[in-house]
Amino acid sequence: MKSWFGILIAACLFLGMGTVWSQEKLDLNTATQQQLESLPGIGPTLATRIIEYREEKPFTSIEEVQEVKGIGEVKFNQIKDLITVQPPLSEGWATEGEEAVSKPE
């Protein structure tokens, strides 16, 4: 009976690790408050600060998140493998499959 229990525990741990491996990274420029709060060490206050920062100036690298008050090297090292930054779409440039649109003057 104990061996079945051990196998069951091992299977649960293995399956749990699979979800971590397949987890998509959060984009600092588009993540919601709730998504940011799901990161280790990021609570409501830091999530709000990240959002306020990106509203002023979109992130251009994940390292830039360290410029947000309260996020230092230790916290950055906790989240760096869980975050990404995609460049924002510029006005006047088309995305793949769209016609070019010029910026209004």
PDB file of N, CA and C in Angstrom:
ATOM      1  N   MET A   1       0.826  -1.197   0.000  1.00  0.00           N
ATOM      2  CA  MET A   1       0.000   0.000   0.000  1.00  0.00           C
ATOM      3  C   MET A   1       0.871   1.263   0.000  1.00  0.00           C
ATOM      4  N   LYS A   2       1.978   1.248   0.772  1.00  0.00           N
ATOM      5  CA  LYS A   2       2.847   2.420   0.827  1.00  0.00           C
ATOM      6  C   LYS A   2       3.464   2.718  -0.531  1.00  0.00           C
ATOM      7  N   SER A   3       3.775   1.650  -1.310  1.00  0.00           N
ATOM      8  CA  SER A   3       4.419   1.887  -2.605  1.00  0.00           C
ATOM      9  C   SER A   3       3.462   2.607  -3.558  1.00  0.00           C
ATOM     10  N   TRP A   4       2.173   2.300  -3.521  1.00  0.00           N
ATOM     11  CA  TRP A   4       1.205   2.996  -4.366  1.00  0.00           C
ATOM     12  C   TRP A   4       1.096   4.466  -3.981  1.00  0.00           C
ATOM     13  N   PHE A   5       1.144   4.691  -2.689  1.00  0.00           N
ATOM     14  CA  PHE A   5       1.080   6.068  -2.213  1.00  0.00           C
ATOM     15  C   PHE A   5       2.291   6.857  -2.709  1.00  0.00           C
ATOM     16  N   GLY A   6       3.454   6.263  -2.658  1.00  0.00           N
ATOM     17  CA  GLY A   6       4.683   6.904  -3.136  1.00  0.00           C
ATOM     18  C   GLY A   6       4.620   7.192  -4.624  1.00  0.00           C
ATOM     19  N   ILE A   7       4.092   6.244  -5.385  1.00  0.00           N
ATOM     20  CA  ILE A   7       3.948   6.423  -6.830  1.00  0.00           C
ATOM     21  C   ILE A   7       2.972   7.569  -7.122  1.00  0.00           C
ATOM     22  N   LEU A   8       1.886   7.608  -6.371  1.00  0.00           N
ATOM     23  CA  LEU A   8       0.898   8.670  -6.552  1.00  0.00           C
ATOM     24  C   LEU A   8       1.521  10.041  -6.263  1.00  0.00           C
ATOM     25  N   ILE A   9       2.279  10.143  -5.177  1.00  0.00           N
ATOM     26  CA  ILE A   9       2.939  11.413  -4.833  1.00  0.00           C
ATOM     27  C   ILE A   9       3.920  11.815  -5.937  1.00  0.00           C
ATOM     28  N   ALA A  10       4.726  10.858  -6.401  1.00  0.00           N
ATOM     29  CA  ALA A  10       5.708  11.143  -7.453  1.00  0.00           C
ATOM     30  C   ALA A  10       5.013  11.613  -8.733  1.00  0.00           C
ATOM     31  N   ALA A  11       3.904  10.975  -9.090  1.00  0.00           N
ATOM     32  CA  ALA A  11       3.169  11.359 -10.298  1.00  0.00           C
ATOM     33  C   ALA A  11       2.617  12.772 -10.171  1.00  0.00           C
ATOM     34  N   CYS A  12       2.096  13.112  -9.012  1.00  0.00           N
ATOM     35  CA  CYS A  12       1.559  14.458  -8.798  1.00  0.00           C
ATOM     36  C   CYS A  12       2.663  15.502  -8.900  1.00  0.00           C
ATOM     37  N   LEU A  13       3.807  15.218  -8.312  1.00  0.00           N
ATOM     38  CA  LEU A  13       4.926  16.154  -8.398  1.00  0.00           C
ATOM     39  C   LEU A  13       5.388  16.314  -9.836  1.00  0.00           C
ATOM     40  N   PHE A  14       5.473  15.212 -10.567  1.00  0.00           N
ATOM     41  CA  PHE A  14       5.915  15.263 -11.960  1.00  0.00           C
ATOM     42  C   PHE A  14       4.939  16.067 -12.801  1.00  0.00           C
ATOM     43  N   LEU A  15       3.658  15.808 -12.631  1.00  0.00           N
ATOM     44  CA  LEU A  15       2.650  16.535 -13.402  1.00  0.00           C
ATOM     45  C   LEU A  15       2.637  18.011 -13.029  1.00  0.00           C
ATOM     46  N   GLY A  16       2.850  18.333 -11.776  1.00  0.00           N
ATOM     47  CA  GLY A  16       2.899  19.711 -11.333  1.00  0.00           C
ATOM     48  C   GLY A  16       4.066  20.448 -11.954  1.00  0.00           C
ATOM     49  N   MET A  17       5.215  19.789 -12.106  1.00  0.00           N
ATOM     50  CA  MET A  17       6.375  20.418 -12.709  1.00  0.00           C
ATOM     51  C   MET A  17       6.126  20.701 -14.181  1.00  0.00           C
ATOM     52  N   GLY A  18       5.345  19.896 -14.838  1.00  0.00           N
ATOM     53  CA  GLY A  18       5.053  20.107 -16.252  1.00  0.00           C
ATOM     54  C   GLY A  18       4.346  21.425 -16.498  1.00  0.00           C
ATOM     55  N   THR A  19       3.469  21.819 -15.584  1.00  0.00           N
ATOM     56  CA  THR A  19       2.787  23.091 -15.780  1.00  0.00           C
ATOM     57  C   THR A  19       3.729  24.260 -15.587  1.00  0.00           C
ATOM     58  N   VAL A  20       4.696  24.117 -14.679  1.00  0.00           N
ATOM     59  CA  VAL A  20       5.663  25.190 -14.491  1.00  0.00           C
ATOM     60  C   VAL A  20       6.512  25.342 -15.742  1.00  0.00           C
ATOM     61  N   TRP A  21       6.946  24.229 -16.319  1.00  0.00           N
ATOM     62  CA  TRP A  21       7.793  24.282 -17.502  1.00  0.00           C
ATOM     63  C   TRP A  21       7.078  24.910 -18.688  1.00  0.00           C
ATOM     64  N   SER A  22       5.779  24.711 -18.793  1.00  0.00           N
ATOM     65  CA  SER A  22       5.058  25.212 -19.954  1.00  0.00           C
ATOM     66  C   SER A  22       4.441  26.593 -19.721  1.00  0.00           C
ATOM     67  N   GLN A  23       4.638  27.142 -18.524  1.00  0.00           N
ATOM     68  CA  GLN A  23       4.062  28.446 -18.209  1.00  0.00           C
ATOM     69  C   GLN A  23       4.631  29.522 -19.127  1.00  0.00           C
ATOM     70  N   GLU A  24       3.741  30.316 -19.697  1.00  0.00           N
ATOM     71  CA  GLU A  24       4.183  31.419 -20.539  1.00  0.00           C
ATOM     72  C   GLU A  24       4.658  32.554 -19.647  1.00  0.00           C
ATOM     73  N   LYS A  25       5.623  33.309 -20.160  1.00  0.00           N
ATOM     74  CA  LYS A  25       6.142  34.448 -19.418  1.00  0.00           C
ATOM     75  C   LYS A  25       5.155  35.608 -19.504  1.00  0.00           C
ATOM     76  N   LEU A  26       5.118  36.414 -18.456  1.00  0.00           N
ATOM     77  CA  LEU A  26       4.256  37.589 -18.436  1.00  0.00           C
ATOM     78  C   LEU A  26       4.973  38.758 -19.094  1.00  0.00           C
ATOM     79  N   ASP A  27       4.281  39.430 -19.989  1.00  0.00           N
ATOM     80  CA  ASP A  27       4.826  40.614 -20.639  1.00  0.00           C
ATOM     81  C   ASP A  27       4.581  41.806 -19.718  1.00  0.00           C
ATOM     82  N   LEU A  28       5.663  42.443 -19.290  1.00  0.00           N
ATOM     83  CA  LEU A  28       5.544  43.586 -18.379  1.00  0.00           C
ATOM     84  C   LEU A  28       4.735  44.731 -18.975  1.00  0.00           C
ATOM     85  N   ASN A  29       4.672  44.820 -20.286  1.00  0.00           N
ATOM     86  CA  ASN A  29       3.946  45.914 -20.936  1.00  0.00           C
ATOM     87  C   ASN A  29       2.454  45.642 -21.096  1.00  0.00           C
ATOM     88  N   THR A  30       2.019  44.401 -20.892  1.00  0.00           N
ATOM     89  CA  THR A  30       0.600  44.099 -21.111  1.00  0.00           C
ATOM     90  C   THR A  30      -0.060  43.323 -19.964  1.00  0.00           C
ATOM     91  N   ALA A  31       0.711  42.846 -19.008  1.00  0.00           N
ATOM     92  CA  ALA A  31       0.151  42.027 -17.921  1.00  0.00           C
ATOM     93  C   ALA A  31      -0.833  42.836 -17.084  1.00  0.00           C
ATOM     94  N   THR A  32      -1.861  42.168 -16.634  1.00  0.00           N
ATOM     95  CA  THR A  32      -2.864  42.807 -15.784  1.00  0.00           C
ATOM     96  C   THR A  32      -2.338  42.889 -14.350  1.00  0.00           C
ATOM     97  N   GLN A  33      -3.010  43.667 -13.547  1.00  0.00           N
ATOM     98  CA  GLN A  33      -2.677  43.783 -12.114  1.00  0.00           C
ATOM     99  C   GLN A  33      -2.645  42.389 -11.481  1.00  0.00           C
ATOM    100  N   GLN A  34      -3.671  41.596 -11.742  1.00  0.00           N
ATOM    101  CA  GLN A  34      -3.779  40.260 -11.153  1.00  0.00           C
ATOM    102  C   GLN A  34      -2.625  39.364 -11.624  1.00  0.00           C
ATOM    103  N   GLN A  35      -2.280  39.425 -12.897  1.00  0.00           N
ATOM    104  CA  GLN A  35      -1.177  38.615 -13.412  1.00  0.00           C
ATOM    105  C   GLN A  35       0.147  39.018 -12.760  1.00  0.00           C
ATOM    106  N   LEU A  36       0.371  40.319 -12.623  1.00  0.00           N
ATOM    107  CA  LEU A  36       1.602  40.781 -11.986  1.00  0.00           C
ATOM    108  C   LEU A  36       1.667  40.326 -10.533  1.00  0.00           C
ATOM    109  N   GLU A  37       0.538  40.352  -9.845  1.00  0.00           N
ATOM    110  CA  GLU A  37       0.491  39.919  -8.447  1.00  0.00           C
ATOM    111  C   GLU A  37       0.752  38.422  -8.293  1.00  0.00           C
ATOM    112  N   SER A  38       0.639  37.666  -9.371  1.00  0.00           N
ATOM    113  CA  SER A  38       0.918  36.225  -9.302  1.00  0.00           C
ATOM    114  C   SER A  38       2.419  35.935  -9.295  1.00  0.00           C
ATOM    115  N   LEU A  39       3.233  36.949  -9.578  1.00  0.00           N
ATOM    116  CA  LEU A  39       4.684  36.773  -9.559  1.00  0.00           C
ATOM    117  C   LEU A  39       5.174  36.727  -8.116  1.00  0.00           C
ATOM    118  N   PRO A  40       6.223  35.934  -7.841  1.00  0.00           N
ATOM    119  CA  PRO A  40       6.752  35.854  -6.473  1.00  0.00           C
ATOM    120  C   PRO A  40       7.222  37.216  -5.972  1.00  0.00           C
ATOM    121  N   GLY A  41       6.746  37.594  -4.785  1.00  0.00           N
ATOM    122  CA  GLY A  41       7.182  38.834  -4.165  1.00  0.00           C
ATOM    123  C   GLY A  41       6.527  40.093  -4.705  1.00  0.00           C
ATOM    124  N   ILE A  42       5.598  39.953  -5.650  1.00  0.00           N
ATOM    125  CA  ILE A  42       4.916  41.122  -6.212  1.00  0.00           C
ATOM    126  C   ILE A  42       3.481  41.152  -5.681  1.00  0.00           C
ATOM    127  N   GLY A  43       3.220  42.129  -4.842  1.00  0.00           N
ATOM    128  CA  GLY A  43       1.882  42.301  -4.288  1.00  0.00           C
ATOM    129  C   GLY A  43       1.160  43.432  -4.996  1.00  0.00           C
ATOM    130  N   PRO A  44       0.030  43.853  -4.450  1.00  0.00           N
ATOM    131  CA  PRO A  44      -0.763  44.905  -5.085  1.00  0.00           C
ATOM    132  C   PRO A  44       0.000  46.219  -5.284  1.00  0.00           C
ATOM    133  N   THR A  45       0.808  46.608  -4.310  1.00  0.00           N
ATOM    134  CA  THR A  45       1.530  47.886  -4.414  1.00  0.00           C
ATOM    135  C   THR A  45       2.550  47.850  -5.542  1.00  0.00           C
ATOM    136  N   LEU A  46       3.372  46.801  -5.599  1.00  0.00           N
ATOM    137  CA  LEU A  46       4.382  46.717  -6.652  1.00  0.00           C
ATOM    138  C   LEU A  46       3.745  46.533  -8.018  1.00  0.00           C
ATOM    139  N   ALA A  47       2.663  45.769  -8.094  1.00  0.00           N
ATOM    140  CA  ALA A  47       1.971  45.592  -9.370  1.00  0.00           C
ATOM    141  C   ALA A  47       1.458  46.933  -9.888  1.00  0.00           C
ATOM    142  N   THR A  48       0.914  47.744  -8.984  1.00  0.00           N
ATOM    143  CA  THR A  48       0.436  49.077  -9.359  1.00  0.00           C
ATOM    144  C   THR A  48       1.592  49.950  -9.841  1.00  0.00           C
ATOM    145  N   ARG A  49       2.725  49.878  -9.152  1.00  0.00           N
ATOM    146  CA  ARG A  49       3.889  50.673  -9.559  1.00  0.00           C
ATOM    147  C   ARG A  49       4.400  50.256 -10.939  1.00  0.00           C
ATOM    148  N   ILE A  50       4.383  48.954 -11.223  1.00  0.00           N
ATOM    149  CA  ILE A  50       4.815  48.469 -12.545  1.00  0.00           C
ATOM    150  C   ILE A  50       3.897  49.040 -13.624  1.00  0.00           C
ATOM    151  N   ILE A  51       2.598  48.999 -13.378  1.00  0.00           N
ATOM    152  CA  ILE A  51       1.630  49.512 -14.348  1.00  0.00           C
ATOM    153  C   ILE A  51       1.806  51.020 -14.531  1.00  0.00           C
ATOM    154  N   GLU A  52       1.990  51.751 -13.442  1.00  0.00           N
ATOM    155  CA  GLU A  52       2.190  53.200 -13.543  1.00  0.00           C
ATOM    156  C   GLU A  52       3.471  53.516 -14.313  1.00  0.00           C
ATOM    157  N   TYR A  53       4.517  52.745 -14.081  1.00  0.00           N
ATOM    158  CA  TYR A  53       5.785  52.955 -14.788  1.00  0.00           C
ATOM    159  C   TYR A  53       5.600  52.781 -16.286  1.00  0.00           C
ATOM    160  N   ARG A  54       4.942  51.687 -16.672  1.00  0.00           N
ATOM    161  CA  ARG A  54       4.807  51.410 -18.106  1.00  0.00           C
ATOM    162  C   ARG A  54       3.853  52.374 -18.803  1.00  0.00           C
ATOM    163  N   GLU A  55       2.938  52.991 -18.054  1.00  0.00           N
ATOM    164  CA  GLU A  55       2.056  53.999 -18.650  1.00  0.00           C
ATOM    165  C   GLU A  55       2.841  55.256 -19.009  1.00  0.00           C
ATOM    166  N   GLU A  56       3.891  55.547 -18.257  1.00  0.00           N
ATOM    167  CA  GLU A  56       4.761  56.687 -18.549  1.00  0.00           C
ATOM    168  C   GLU A  56       5.733  56.356 -19.677  1.00  0.00           C
ATOM    169  N   LYS A  57       6.273  55.138 -19.636  1.00  0.00           N
ATOM    170  CA  LYS A  57       7.280  54.721 -20.605  1.00  0.00           C
ATOM    171  C   LYS A  57       7.272  53.192 -20.661  1.00  0.00           C
ATOM    172  N   PRO A  58       6.916  52.590 -21.794  1.00  0.00           N
ATOM    173  CA  PRO A  58       6.896  51.124 -21.877  1.00  0.00           C
ATOM    174  C   PRO A  58       8.280  50.531 -21.592  1.00  0.00           C
ATOM    175  N   PHE A  59       8.280  49.364 -21.002  1.00  0.00           N
ATOM    176  CA  PHE A  59       9.528  48.658 -20.732  1.00  0.00           C
ATOM    177  C   PHE A  59      10.183  48.244 -22.039  1.00  0.00           C
ATOM    178  N   THR A  60      11.496  48.376 -22.096  1.00  0.00           N
ATOM    179  CA  THR A  60      12.242  47.943 -23.280  1.00  0.00           C
ATOM    180  C   THR A  60      13.097  46.712 -22.987  1.00  0.00           C
ATOM    181  N   SER A  61      13.246  46.365 -21.709  1.00  0.00           N
ATOM    182  CA  SER A  61      13.974  45.159 -21.306  1.00  0.00           C
ATOM    183  C   SER A  61      13.443  44.709 -19.958  1.00  0.00           C
ATOM    184  N   ILE A  62      13.638  43.436 -19.633  1.00  0.00           N
ATOM    185  CA  ILE A  62      13.160  42.959 -18.331  1.00  0.00           C
ATOM    186  C   ILE A  62      13.970  43.575 -17.195  1.00  0.00           C
ATOM    187  N   GLU A  63      15.223  43.878 -17.441  1.00  0.00           N
ATOM    188  CA  GLU A  63      16.077  44.471 -16.409  1.00  0.00           C
ATOM    189  C   GLU A  63      15.560  45.834 -15.954  1.00  0.00           C
ATOM    190  N   GLU A  64      14.862  46.515 -16.840  1.00  0.00           N
ATOM    191  CA  GLU A  64      14.331  47.848 -16.546  1.00  0.00           C
ATOM    192  C   GLU A  64      13.323  47.843 -15.403  1.00  0.00           C
ATOM    193  N   VAL A  65      12.730  46.689 -15.111  1.00  0.00           N
ATOM    194  CA  VAL A  65      11.755  46.619 -14.023  1.00  0.00           C
ATOM    195  C   VAL A  65      12.415  46.977 -12.685  1.00  0.00           C
ATOM    196  N   GLN A  66      13.730  46.884 -12.623  1.00  0.00           N
ATOM    197  CA  GLN A  66      14.452  47.239 -11.400  1.00  0.00           C
ATOM    198  C   GLN A  66      14.408  48.745 -11.126  1.00  0.00           C
ATOM    199  N   GLU A  67      13.984  49.533 -12.111  1.00  0.00           N
ATOM    200  CA  GLU A  67      13.824  50.975 -11.920  1.00  0.00           C
ATOM    201  C   GLU A  67      12.535  51.301 -11.167  1.00  0.00           C
ATOM    202  N   VAL A  68      11.646  50.316 -11.039  1.00  0.00           N
ATOM    203  CA  VAL A  68      10.404  50.497 -10.286  1.00  0.00           C
ATOM    204  C   VAL A  68      10.762  50.456  -8.799  1.00  0.00           C
ATOM    205  N   LYS A  69      10.332  51.471  -8.050  1.00  0.00           N
ATOM    206  CA  LYS A  69      10.622  51.544  -6.619  1.00  0.00           C
ATOM    207  C   LYS A  69      10.137  50.274  -5.922  1.00  0.00           C
ATOM    208  N   GLY A  70      11.043  49.635  -5.186  1.00  0.00           N
ATOM    209  CA  GLY A  70      10.700  48.425  -4.446  1.00  0.00           C
ATOM    210  C   GLY A  70      11.135  47.143  -5.132  1.00  0.00           C
ATOM    211  N   ILE A  71      11.640  47.256  -6.357  1.00  0.00           N
ATOM    212  CA  ILE A  71      12.128  46.069  -7.060  1.00  0.00           C
ATOM    213  C   ILE A  71      13.634  46.206  -7.245  1.00  0.00           C
ATOM    214  N   GLY A  72      14.345  45.491  -6.416  1.00  0.00           N
ATOM    215  CA  GLY A  72      15.800  45.509  -6.495  1.00  0.00           C
ATOM    216  C   GLY A  72      16.313  44.230  -7.127  1.00  0.00           C
ATOM    217  N   GLU A  73      17.590  43.999  -6.942  1.00  0.00           N
ATOM    218  CA  GLU A  73      18.242  42.845  -7.562  1.00  0.00           C
ATOM    219  C   GLU A  73      17.671  41.519  -7.057  1.00  0.00           C
ATOM    220  N   VAL A  74      17.408  41.422  -5.762  1.00  0.00           N
ATOM    221  CA  VAL A  74      16.892  40.168  -5.195  1.00  0.00           C
ATOM    222  C   VAL A  74      15.530  39.831  -5.776  1.00  0.00           C
ATOM    223  N   LYS A  75      14.624  40.793  -5.761  1.00  0.00           N
ATOM    224  CA  LYS A  75      13.271  40.547  -6.298  1.00  0.00           C
ATOM    225  C   LYS A  75      13.334  40.286  -7.803  1.00  0.00           C
ATOM    226  N   PHE A  76      14.191  41.033  -8.515  1.00  0.00           N
ATOM    227  CA  PHE A  76      14.357  40.810  -9.951  1.00  0.00           C
ATOM    228  C   PHE A  76      14.807  39.375 -10.218  1.00  0.00           C
ATOM    229  N   ASN A  77      15.757  38.885  -9.445  1.00  0.00           N
ATOM    230  CA  ASN A  77      16.236  37.512  -9.642  1.00  0.00           C
ATOM    231  C   ASN A  77      15.145  36.479  -9.391  1.00  0.00           C
ATOM    232  N   GLN A  78      14.175  36.812  -8.545  1.00  0.00           N
ATOM    233  CA  GLN A  78      13.050  35.903  -8.286  1.00  0.00           C
ATOM    234  C   GLN A  78      12.092  35.822  -9.474  1.00  0.00           C
ATOM    235  N   ILE A  79      11.979  36.915 -10.249  1.00  0.00           N
ATOM    236  CA  ILE A  79      10.958  36.965 -11.304  1.00  0.00           C
ATOM    237  C   ILE A  79      11.516  36.953 -12.721  1.00  0.00           C
ATOM    238  N   LYS A  80      12.830  37.110 -12.886  1.00  0.00           N
ATOM    239  CA  LYS A  80      13.401  37.311 -14.222  1.00  0.00           C
ATOM    240  C   LYS A  80      13.093  36.190 -15.205  1.00  0.00           C
ATOM    241  N   ASP A  81      12.948  34.963 -14.730  1.00  0.00           N
ATOM    242  CA  ASP A  81      12.639  33.847 -15.630  1.00  0.00           C
ATOM    243  C   ASP A  81      11.148  33.739 -15.932  1.00  0.00           C
ATOM    244  N   LEU A  82      10.343  34.578 -15.300  1.00  0.00           N
ATOM    245  CA  LEU A  82       8.888  34.522 -15.457  1.00  0.00           C
ATOM    246  C   LEU A  82       8.335  35.697 -16.256  1.00  0.00           C
ATOM    247  N   ILE A  83       9.213  36.648 -16.621  1.00  0.00           N
ATOM    248  CA  ILE A  83       8.758  37.856 -17.303  1.00  0.00           C
ATOM    249  C   ILE A  83       9.445  38.033 -18.656  1.00  0.00           C
ATOM    250  N   THR A  84       8.801  38.816 -19.501  1.00  0.00           N
ATOM    251  CA  THR A  84       9.350  39.156 -20.808  1.00  0.00           C
ATOM    252  C   THR A  84       8.890  40.569 -21.148  1.00  0.00           C
ATOM    253  N   VAL A  85       9.448  41.113 -22.209  1.00  0.00           N
ATOM    254  CA  VAL A  85       9.029  42.422 -22.707  1.00  0.00           C
ATOM    255  C   VAL A  85       8.958  42.331 -24.214  1.00  0.00           C
ATOM    256  N   GLN A  86       7.779  42.592 -24.731  1.00  0.00           N
ATOM    257  CA  GLN A  86       7.591  42.691 -26.176  1.00  0.00           C
ATOM    258  C   GLN A  86       7.532  44.166 -26.508  1.00  0.00           C
ATOM    259  N   PRO A  87       8.213  44.588 -27.554  1.00  0.00           N
ATOM    260  CA  PRO A  87       8.154  46.015 -27.891  1.00  0.00           C
ATOM    261  C   PRO A  87       6.730  46.420 -28.251  1.00  0.00           C
ATOM    262  N   PRO A  88       6.308  47.598 -27.803  1.00  0.00           N
ATOM    263  CA  PRO A  88       4.952  48.058 -28.140  1.00  0.00           C
ATOM    264  C   PRO A  88       4.856  48.357 -29.634  1.00  0.00           C
ATOM    265  N   LEU A  89       3.672  48.190 -30.177  1.00  0.00           N
ATOM    266  CA  LEU A  89       3.452  48.534 -31.580  1.00  0.00           C
ATOM    267  C   LEU A  89       3.509  50.042 -31.723  1.00  0.00           C
ATOM    268  N   SER A  90       4.265  50.505 -32.655  1.00  0.00           N
ATOM    269  CA  SER A  90       4.364  51.941 -32.904  1.00  0.00           C
ATOM    270  C   SER A  90       3.198  52.386 -33.766  1.00  0.00           C
ATOM    271  N   GLU A  91       2.720  53.584 -33.514  1.00  0.00           N
ATOM    272  CA  GLU A  91       1.676  54.138 -34.370  1.00  0.00           C
ATOM    273  C   GLU A  91       2.262  54.349 -35.753  1.00  0.00           C
ATOM    274  N   GLY A  92       1.478  54.065 -36.753  1.00  0.00           N
ATOM    275  CA  GLY A  92       1.930  54.307 -38.115  1.00  0.00           C
ATOM    276  C   GLY A  92       2.620  53.109 -38.748  1.00  0.00           C
ATOM    277  N   TRP A  93       2.820  52.075 -37.983  1.00  0.00           N
ATOM    278  CA  TRP A  93       3.440  50.872 -38.534  1.00  0.00           C
ATOM    279  C   TRP A  93       2.422  49.755 -38.519  1.00  0.00           C
ATOM    280  N   ALA A  94       2.390  48.992 -39.581  1.00  0.00           N
ATOM    281  CA  ALA A  94       1.425  47.904 -39.687  1.00  0.00           C
ATOM    282  C   ALA A  94       1.999  46.660 -39.040  1.00  0.00           C
ATOM    283  N   THR A  95       1.113  45.850 -38.485  1.00  0.00           N
ATOM    284  CA  THR A  95       1.533  44.538 -38.016  1.00  0.00           C
ATOM    285  C   THR A  95       1.436  43.587 -39.187  1.00  0.00           C
ATOM    286  N   GLU A  96       1.968  42.406 -39.036  1.00  0.00           N
ATOM    287  CA  GLU A  96       1.998  41.434 -40.128  1.00  0.00           C
ATOM    288  C   GLU A  96       0.588  41.200 -40.669  1.00  0.00           C
ATOM    289  N   GLY A  97       0.434  41.274 -41.960  1.00  0.00           N
ATOM    290  CA  GLY A  97      -0.856  41.012 -42.592  1.00  0.00           C
ATOM    291  C   GLY A  97      -1.757  42.232 -42.699  1.00  0.00           C
ATOM    292  N   GLU A  98      -1.307  43.394 -42.207  1.00  0.00           N
ATOM    293  CA  GLU A  98      -2.118  44.601 -42.295  1.00  0.00           C
ATOM    294  C   GLU A  98      -1.508  45.558 -43.309  1.00  0.00           C
ATOM    295  N   GLU A  99      -2.337  46.436 -43.809  1.00  0.00           N
ATOM    296  CA  GLU A  99      -1.833  47.480 -44.701  1.00  0.00           C
ATOM    297  C   GLU A  99      -1.147  48.558 -43.870  1.00  0.00           C
ATOM    298  N   ALA A 100      -0.153  49.179 -44.454  1.00  0.00           N
ATOM    299  CA  ALA A 100       0.546  50.256 -43.755  1.00  0.00           C
ATOM    300  C   ALA A 100      -0.410  51.417 -43.508  1.00  0.00           C
ATOM    301  N   VAL A 101      -0.332  52.001 -42.346  1.00  0.00           N
ATOM    302  CA  VAL A 101      -1.158  53.135 -41.992  1.00  0.00           C
ATOM    303  C   VAL A 101      -0.214  54.260 -41.623  1.00  0.00           C
ATOM    304  N   SER A 102      -0.439  55.431 -42.175  1.00  0.00           N
ATOM    305  CA  SER A 102       0.441  56.542 -41.831  1.00  0.00           C
ATOM    306  C   SER A 102      -0.067  57.238 -40.583  1.00  0.00           C
ATOM    307  N   LYS A 103       0.858  57.852 -39.858  1.00  0.00           N
ATOM    308  CA  LYS A 103       0.493  58.585 -38.665  1.00  0.00           C
ATOM    309  C   LYS A 103      -0.287  59.839 -39.052  1.00  0.00           C
ATOM    310  N   PRO A 104      -1.320  60.163 -38.276  1.00  0.00           N
ATOM    311  CA  PRO A 104      -2.049  61.404 -38.558  1.00  0.00           C
ATOM    312  C   PRO A 104      -1.156  62.597 -38.243  1.00  0.00           C
ATOM    313  N   GLU A 105      -1.227  63.615 -39.056  1.00  0.00           N
ATOM    314  CA  GLU A 105      -0.399  64.817 -38.903  1.00  0.00           C
ATOM    315  C   GLU A 105      -1.046  65.774 -37.941  1.00  0.00           C
TER     316      GLU A 105
END
